[in-house]
Protein backbone atom coordinates (compact mmCIF):
# COMPACT_ATOMS: atom_id res chain seq x y z
CA UNK A 1 18.70 24.77 20.52
CA UNK A 2 20.95 23.88 17.62
CA UNK A 3 19.72 22.28 14.43
CA UNK A 4 21.62 19.00 14.93
CA UNK A 5 20.65 18.80 18.59
CA UNK A 6 17.01 18.93 17.52
CA UNK A 7 17.59 16.38 14.75
CA UNK A 8 19.48 14.04 17.10
CA UNK A 9 16.73 14.38 19.70
CA UNK A 10 14.14 13.63 17.02
CA UNK A 11 15.94 10.42 16.07
CA UNK A 12 16.33 9.40 19.70
CA UNK A 13 12.66 10.10 20.33
CA UNK A 14 11.59 8.08 17.31
CA UNK A 15 13.55 5.10 18.63
CA UNK A 16 12.09 5.57 22.09
CA UNK A 17 8.57 5.73 20.66
CA UNK A 18 9.17 2.49 18.75
CA UNK A 19 10.33 0.78 21.92
CA UNK A 20 7.84 2.13 24.41
CA UNK A 21 5.07 3.87 22.44
CA UNK A 22 5.63 7.09 24.42
CA UNK A 23 4.67 10.57 23.32
CA UNK A 24 7.15 12.61 21.27
CA UNK A 25 7.28 15.24 24.01
CA UNK A 26 10.40 15.44 26.15
CA UNK A 27 11.35 17.57 29.11
CA UNK A 28 14.02 20.15 28.28
CA UNK A 29 15.55 21.12 31.67
CA UNK A 30 17.14 24.34 30.43
CA UNK A 31 13.74 25.61 29.24
CA UNK A 32 11.72 24.21 32.13
CA UNK A 33 8.92 23.11 29.80
CA UNK A 34 7.95 20.41 27.38
CA UNK A 35 9.40 20.82 23.90
CA UNK A 36 7.95 19.16 20.82
CA UNK A 37 10.39 18.36 18.04
CA UNK A 38 9.42 18.32 14.40
CA UNK A 39 10.69 16.32 11.47
CA UNK A 40 10.62 19.18 8.96
CA UNK A 41 14.16 18.64 7.69
CA UNK A 42 13.67 14.90 7.51
CA UNK A 43 10.33 15.34 5.75
CA UNK A 44 11.93 17.71 3.22
CA UNK A 45 14.73 15.22 2.59
CA UNK A 46 12.22 12.45 2.03
CA UNK A 47 10.07 14.62 -0.24
CA UNK A 48 12.98 15.85 -2.35
CA UNK A 49 15.29 12.83 -2.37
CA UNK A 50 13.12 9.95 -1.15
CA UNK A 51 13.28 8.10 -4.48
CA UNK A 52 17.08 8.48 -4.79
CA UNK A 53 19.33 5.52 -4.13
CA UNK A 54 22.68 6.33 -2.55
CA UNK A 55 25.52 4.33 -1.08
CA UNK A 56 26.66 4.66 2.50
CA UNK A 57 30.02 5.79 1.11
CA UNK A 58 28.26 8.70 -0.61
CA UNK A 59 26.43 9.55 2.62
CA UNK A 60 29.71 9.44 4.58
CA UNK A 61 31.30 11.82 2.04
CA UNK A 62 28.37 14.21 2.36
CA UNK A 63 28.61 14.10 6.16
CA UNK A 64 32.36 14.83 5.98
CA UNK A 65 31.72 17.77 3.66
CA UNK A 66 29.05 19.11 6.00
CA UNK A 67 31.41 18.89 8.99
CA UNK A 68 34.16 20.61 6.98
CA UNK A 69 31.75 23.48 6.28
CA UNK A 70 30.21 23.49 9.78
CA UNK A 71 32.83 22.21 12.27
CA UNK A 72 30.63 23.16 15.23
CA UNK A 73 28.41 20.18 14.30
CA UNK A 74 31.23 17.60 14.30
CA UNK A 75 30.14 15.88 17.52
CA UNK A 76 26.45 15.38 16.61
CA UNK A 77 27.36 14.23 13.09
CA UNK A 78 29.84 11.73 14.53
CA UNK A 79 27.18 10.50 16.96
CA UNK A 80 24.70 10.04 14.12
CA UNK A 81 27.29 8.22 12.01
CA UNK A 82 28.18 5.93 14.91
CA UNK A 83 24.50 5.25 15.63
CA UNK A 84 23.86 4.41 11.98
CA UNK A 85 26.94 2.19 11.81
CA UNK A 86 25.81 0.20 14.87
CA UNK A 87 22.10 -0.20 14.11
CA UNK A 88 22.39 -3.94 13.64
CA UNK A 89 24.61 -4.58 16.67
CA UNK A 90 22.78 -6.81 19.09
CA UNK A 91 25.07 -5.89 21.99
CA UNK A 92 23.85 -2.32 22.30
């Protein structure tokens, strides 16, 4: 499993848990077992930078830089950016 796939799944699971109070476990068909995702990267970000204030423009620049350095993660980064951009949309 790739890093961003795990992070994206973690975000999706967190939203699902908020909506339905389900467990954080999900079925991973390719592994044939339950897989538990962790928030280690998110926890490190919060611990190291949790008090920082940044603009969304700064975050977008950092995401672009990351994709430039790691083009294989373009799709998950774009999905995350789109999800963040549409958080307040009532239609979705």
